[in-house]
Amino acid sequence: MAGTGIDLIRPDWPAPARVHAFSSTRAGGVSAAPFDSLNLGDHVGDEPGRVAENRARLARAAGIDARPGWLDQVHGTSVADFDAADPAGHRVAPVADAAITSRPGRICAIMTADCLPVLLTNRAGTVVAAAHGGWRGLAAGVLEATVAACAERAATPATLIAWLGPAIGPATYEVGPDVVAELGPGDRAALAPGRSSHWLLDLYALARARLLALGVEHISGGDACTHGDGERFFSYRRDGVTGRQATIIWLAEPGR
């Protein structure tokens, strides 16, 4: 939004007009270092008042008029159903690593600082979902669980489109043999040799392969690196103590 200093990344994907989505960056907030400046995470040690102001600024810039459904993310596979429970009424964030809804105005949100946010919708614009894809969640099946939740709402994999938001890039994400051991045989194509006994992991390639295997064929995004672009993104791997950006999706109310 012009004049706010807030920099929103909008997906370049063929979503219906009623589907609204974006990823935030670190610009345009009020938090001090090392959370400077648009930190949206209330669990990282930042001052709560500043986090609340950052969330309010983001809502104004993005045109959000309802409270996003923030999650307590644990690198698992649980999918929060925002049809069943309005996220605006949550006193405690649900323990989940994905969220889904078919109800207009209910907002799915994922926070990251290197992990991969994945957005899903269908071509009819009747369902939206967001998933938190760190290596552990991707290996455990968070995308499979989210696609299955979409299918329960009659959004089959063939009708889905996906967008891969900002994450740590394949040139900088080095992992050890413990991580490699947790990946499945179909995941190995996302690995490239690194330094001795280590590998470079491409989260984007890992997510694409898993989505394609599920029958989700239209996948876009996946061209950022949170670690390499410190001016624009928070990165836990780079900085340790840092803020969080968010990737958000919702369905507009009828007529909006």
Protein backbone atom coordinates (compact mmCIF):
# COMPACT_ATOMS: atom_id res chain seq x y z
CA MET A 1 0.00 0.00 0.00
CA ALA A 2 1.51 3.29 -1.07
CA GLY A 3 2.73 5.54 1.71
CA THR A 4 2.78 2.93 4.49
CA GLY A 5 6.23 1.47 3.88
CA ILE A 6 4.65 -1.98 3.99
CA ASP A 7 5.82 -4.26 1.17
CA LEU A 8 3.34 -7.01 0.27
CA ILE A 9 4.15 -9.81 -2.14
CA ARG A 10 1.09 -10.83 -4.13
CA PRO A 11 0.97 -14.30 -5.71
CA ASP A 12 1.22 -14.41 -9.48
CA TRP A 13 -1.27 -17.22 -10.02
CA PRO A 14 -4.59 -17.74 -11.80
CA ALA A 15 -6.74 -17.58 -8.65
CA PRO A 16 -10.35 -16.38 -8.89
CA ALA A 17 -10.92 -12.71 -8.06
CA ARG A 18 -12.56 -13.50 -4.72
CA VAL A 19 -9.36 -15.16 -3.47
CA HIS A 20 -7.08 -12.67 -1.70
CA ALA A 21 -3.54 -13.58 -0.71
CA PHE A 22 -0.13 -12.12 0.06
CA SER A 23 3.14 -12.57 1.92
CA SER A 24 4.44 -9.78 4.14
CA THR A 25 8.05 -8.67 4.39
CA ARG A 26 9.93 -7.07 7.26
CA ALA A 27 9.36 -3.47 6.10
CA GLY A 28 6.91 -0.94 7.49
CA GLY A 29 6.57 -1.85 11.15
CA VAL A 30 7.52 -0.40 14.54
CA SER A 31 9.62 -3.14 16.13
CA ALA A 32 13.24 -2.47 17.12
CA ALA A 33 16.23 -4.65 16.25
CA PRO A 34 16.55 -7.59 16.02
CA PHE A 35 12.84 -7.69 15.18
CA ASP A 36 12.93 -4.69 12.87
CA SER A 37 10.51 -3.80 11.73
CA LEU A 38 7.22 -5.51 10.73
CA ASN A 39 7.54 -8.48 13.07
CA LEU A 40 4.22 -10.34 13.30
CA GLY A 41 5.32 -13.06 15.73
CA ASP A 42 4.19 -12.72 19.34
CA HIS A 43 6.34 -15.66 20.47
CA VAL A 44 9.85 -14.45 19.57
CA GLY A 45 10.63 -12.02 22.41
CA ASP A 46 9.40 -8.80 20.82
CA GLU A 47 7.34 -6.29 22.84
CA PRO A 48 3.65 -7.32 22.66
CA GLY A 49 2.48 -3.76 22.02
CA ARG A 50 4.73 -3.46 19.01
CA VAL A 51 3.57 -6.79 17.61
CA ALA A 52 -0.04 -5.67 18.01
CA GLU A 53 0.70 -2.41 16.19
CA ASN A 54 2.48 -4.29 13.41
CA ARG A 55 -0.51 -6.59 12.96
CA ALA A 56 -2.85 -3.59 12.88
CA ARG A 57 -0.70 -1.84 10.27
CA LEU A 58 -0.61 -4.96 8.14
CA ALA A 59 -4.39 -5.32 8.33
CA ARG A 60 -4.91 -1.73 7.20
CA ALA A 61 -2.41 -2.04 4.36
CA ALA A 62 -3.88 -5.33 3.12
CA GLY A 63 -7.52 -4.40 3.57
CA ILE A 64 -8.16 -7.09 6.17
CA ASP A 65 -11.17 -6.40 8.36
CA ALA A 66 -11.15 -9.60 10.44
CA ARG A 67 -8.63 -11.16 12.78
CA PRO A 68 -6.34 -13.66 11.00
CA GLY A 69 -6.31 -17.20 12.32
CA TRP A 70 -2.81 -17.35 13.79
CA LEU A 71 -1.60 -20.88 14.60
CA ASP A 72 0.67 -22.43 17.20
CA GLN A 73 2.97 -24.05 14.63
CA VAL A 74 4.85 -27.19 15.73
CA HIS A 75 6.18 -28.64 12.44
CA GLY A 76 3.39 -31.21 12.37
CA THR A 77 0.57 -32.14 10.00
CA SER A 78 -2.62 -31.01 11.76
CA VAL A 79 -4.97 -28.81 9.71
CA ALA A 80 -7.12 -26.28 11.58
CA ASP A 81 -10.69 -26.16 10.25
CA PHE A 82 -11.78 -22.52 10.19
CA ASP A 83 -15.22 -23.52 8.91
CA ALA A 84 -15.94 -25.14 12.24
CA ALA A 85 -14.46 -22.40 14.42
CA ASP A 86 -14.12 -18.71 13.63
CA PRO A 87 -10.42 -17.80 14.07
CA ALA A 88 -11.43 -14.36 15.28
CA GLY A 89 -12.85 -16.01 18.40
CA HIS A 90 -9.78 -18.03 19.33
CA ARG A 91 -8.39 -17.08 22.74
CA VAL A 92 -5.54 -19.57 22.24
CA ALA A 93 -4.04 -20.28 18.83
CA PRO A 94 -4.84 -23.80 17.59
CA VAL A 95 -1.89 -26.20 17.54
CA ALA A 96 -1.64 -26.84 13.81
CA ASP A 97 0.59 -26.28 10.80
CA ALA A 98 -2.11 -25.63 8.23
CA ALA A 99 -5.53 -24.02 8.07
CA ILE A 100 -8.44 -24.32 5.68
CA THR A 101 -11.78 -22.60 5.13
CA SER A 102 -14.62 -22.29 2.67
CA ARG A 103 -16.20 -19.40 4.55
CA PRO A 104 -15.73 -15.84 3.29
CA GLY A 105 -13.92 -13.51 5.67
CA ARG A 106 -12.13 -16.22 7.65
CA ILE A 107 -8.41 -15.70 7.26
CA CYS A 108 -5.75 -18.44 7.12
CA ALA A 109 -2.29 -17.28 8.18
CA ILE A 110 1.14 -18.91 8.38
CA MET A 111 4.19 -17.31 10.04
CA THR A 112 7.69 -18.10 8.79
CA ALA A 113 11.32 -17.03 8.98
CA ASP A 114 12.87 -19.55 6.53
CA CYS A 115 10.24 -22.30 6.39
CA LEU A 116 8.08 -22.52 3.28
CA PRO A 117 4.53 -21.13 3.28
CA VAL A 118 2.27 -22.88 0.77
CA LEU A 119 -1.08 -21.44 -0.34
CA LEU A 120 -3.80 -23.48 -2.02
CA THR A 121 -7.11 -22.65 -3.63
CA ASN A 122 -9.28 -24.21 -6.30
CA ARG A 123 -10.20 -22.77 -9.68
CA ALA A 124 -13.79 -22.28 -8.56
CA GLY A 125 -12.69 -20.17 -5.59
CA THR A 126 -14.68 -22.16 -3.04
CA VAL A 127 -11.88 -23.12 -0.67
CA VAL A 128 -8.56 -21.68 0.50
CA ALA A 129 -5.79 -23.16 2.63
CA ALA A 130 -2.34 -22.29 3.93
CA ALA A 131 0.37 -24.71 5.09
CA HIS A 132 3.63 -24.31 7.02
CA GLY A 133 6.30 -26.30 5.21
CA GLY A 134 9.53 -26.68 7.10
CA TRP A 135 11.52 -29.76 6.16
CA ARG A 136 10.07 -31.70 9.07
CA GLY A 137 6.46 -30.87 8.22
CA LEU A 138 6.96 -31.54 4.53
CA ALA A 139 8.57 -34.91 5.30
CA ALA A 140 5.76 -35.77 7.73
CA GLY A 141 3.04 -34.98 5.20
CA VAL A 142 1.61 -31.54 5.95
CA LEU A 143 0.89 -30.93 2.26
CA GLU A 144 -0.78 -34.31 1.91
CA ALA A 145 -2.99 -33.52 4.92
CA THR A 146 -3.90 -30.09 3.53
CA VAL A 147 -4.73 -31.39 0.06
CA ALA A 148 -6.85 -34.12 1.65
CA ALA A 149 -8.73 -31.46 3.64
CA CYS A 150 -9.39 -29.60 0.38
CA ALA A 151 -10.70 -32.79 -1.23
CA GLU A 152 -13.18 -33.18 1.64
CA ARG A 153 -14.65 -29.87 0.45
CA ALA A 154 -14.96 -31.17 -3.14
CA ALA A 155 -11.77 -29.41 -4.24
CA THR A 156 -9.94 -32.34 -5.81
CA PRO A 157 -6.18 -32.14 -6.47
CA ALA A 158 -6.73 -31.65 -10.20
CA THR A 159 -8.72 -28.48 -9.48
CA LEU A 160 -6.20 -26.99 -7.05
CA ILE A 161 -3.58 -24.35 -7.71
CA ALA A 162 -0.65 -23.70 -5.37
CA TRP A 163 1.70 -20.82 -4.63
CA LEU A 164 5.02 -21.21 -2.84
CA GLY A 165 5.84 -18.16 -0.72
CA PRO A 166 9.21 -16.83 0.46
CA ALA A 167 11.51 -19.41 2.07
CA ILE A 168 15.19 -20.14 2.48
CA GLY A 169 16.67 -20.88 -0.94
CA PRO A 170 18.45 -24.02 -2.13
CA ALA A 171 21.87 -22.35 -2.34
CA THR A 172 21.98 -21.64 1.41
CA TYR A 173 19.87 -24.26 3.19
CA GLU A 174 22.43 -26.79 4.37
CA VAL A 175 21.25 -29.84 6.32
CA GLY A 176 22.99 -32.79 7.93
CA PRO A 177 22.53 -36.55 7.61
CA ASP A 178 19.89 -36.53 10.36
CA VAL A 179 17.57 -34.50 8.13
CA VAL A 180 18.35 -36.57 5.04
CA ALA A 181 17.47 -39.73 6.95
CA GLU A 182 13.95 -38.40 7.61
CA LEU A 183 13.21 -37.70 3.95
CA GLY A 184 11.49 -40.25 1.73
CA PRO A 185 12.93 -41.78 -1.44
CA GLY A 186 10.91 -39.39 -3.59
CA ASP A 187 12.38 -36.42 -1.73
CA ARG A 188 16.01 -37.11 -2.59
CA ALA A 189 15.83 -35.17 -5.86
CA ALA A 190 15.55 -32.01 -3.73
CA LEU A 191 19.05 -32.60 -2.33
CA ALA A 192 22.38 -31.47 -3.73
CA PRO A 193 25.84 -32.22 -2.31
CA GLY A 194 27.15 -29.65 0.18
CA ARG A 195 30.24 -29.67 2.34
CA SER A 196 31.46 -32.92 3.86
CA SER A 197 28.57 -35.04 5.22
CA HIS A 198 26.07 -32.25 4.49
CA TRP A 199 23.55 -31.52 1.79
CA LEU A 200 21.80 -28.51 0.32
CA LEU A 201 18.02 -28.92 0.56
CA ASP A 202 15.65 -27.23 -1.89
CA LEU A 203 12.38 -26.75 0.02
CA TYR A 204 10.73 -25.44 -3.13
CA ALA A 205 11.62 -28.56 -5.11
CA LEU A 206 10.57 -30.78 -2.20
CA ALA A 207 7.14 -29.13 -2.03
CA ARG A 208 6.67 -29.18 -5.81
CA ALA A 209 7.46 -32.88 -6.00
CA ARG A 210 5.02 -33.73 -3.24
CA LEU A 211 2.26 -31.59 -4.72
CA LEU A 212 2.77 -33.08 -8.18
CA ALA A 213 2.64 -36.58 -6.71
CA LEU A 214 -0.73 -35.67 -5.19
CA GLY A 215 -2.06 -34.48 -8.56
CA VAL A 216 -1.69 -30.72 -7.98
CA GLU A 217 -0.21 -29.66 -11.30
CA HIS A 218 -0.41 -25.87 -11.32
CA ILE A 219 2.30 -24.59 -8.95
CA SER A 220 3.82 -21.11 -8.99
CA GLY A 221 6.12 -19.03 -6.82
CA GLY A 222 9.27 -20.36 -5.21
CA ASP A 223 11.71 -17.71 -6.39
CA ALA A 224 12.75 -15.94 -3.16
CA CYS A 225 15.42 -16.61 -0.53
CA THR A 226 14.74 -15.36 2.98
CA HIS A 227 18.31 -16.11 4.07
CA GLY A 228 19.93 -14.20 1.23
CA ASP A 229 17.72 -11.09 1.28
CA GLY A 230 18.16 -9.56 4.71
CA GLU A 231 16.73 -6.22 3.65
CA ARG A 232 13.37 -7.80 2.84
CA PHE A 233 13.00 -10.94 4.94
CA PHE A 234 13.47 -12.32 8.44
CA SER A 235 15.63 -15.46 8.55
CA TYR A 236 16.07 -17.69 11.59
CA ARG A 237 18.96 -19.56 9.99
CA ARG A 238 20.78 -16.29 9.30
CA ASP A 239 20.05 -14.33 12.48
CA GLY A 240 18.82 -16.69 15.20
CA VAL A 241 16.79 -14.15 17.18
CA THR A 242 14.52 -12.54 14.61
CA GLY A 243 10.96 -11.65 13.68
CA ARG A 244 8.40 -13.46 11.55
CA GLN A 245 6.71 -12.61 8.27
CA ALA A 246 3.27 -13.95 7.39
CA THR A 247 1.60 -15.50 4.39
CA ILE A 248 -2.16 -15.03 4.39
CA ILE A 249 -5.13 -16.12 2.29
CA TRP A 250 -8.90 -15.64 2.50
CA LEU A 251 -12.09 -15.56 0.47
CA ALA A 252 -13.77 -12.20 0.05
CA GLU A 253 -17.34 -11.67 1.16
CA PRO A 254 -19.85 -11.78 -1.71
CA GLY A 255 -19.85 -8.56 -3.68
CA ARG A 256 -16.38 -7.48 -2.48
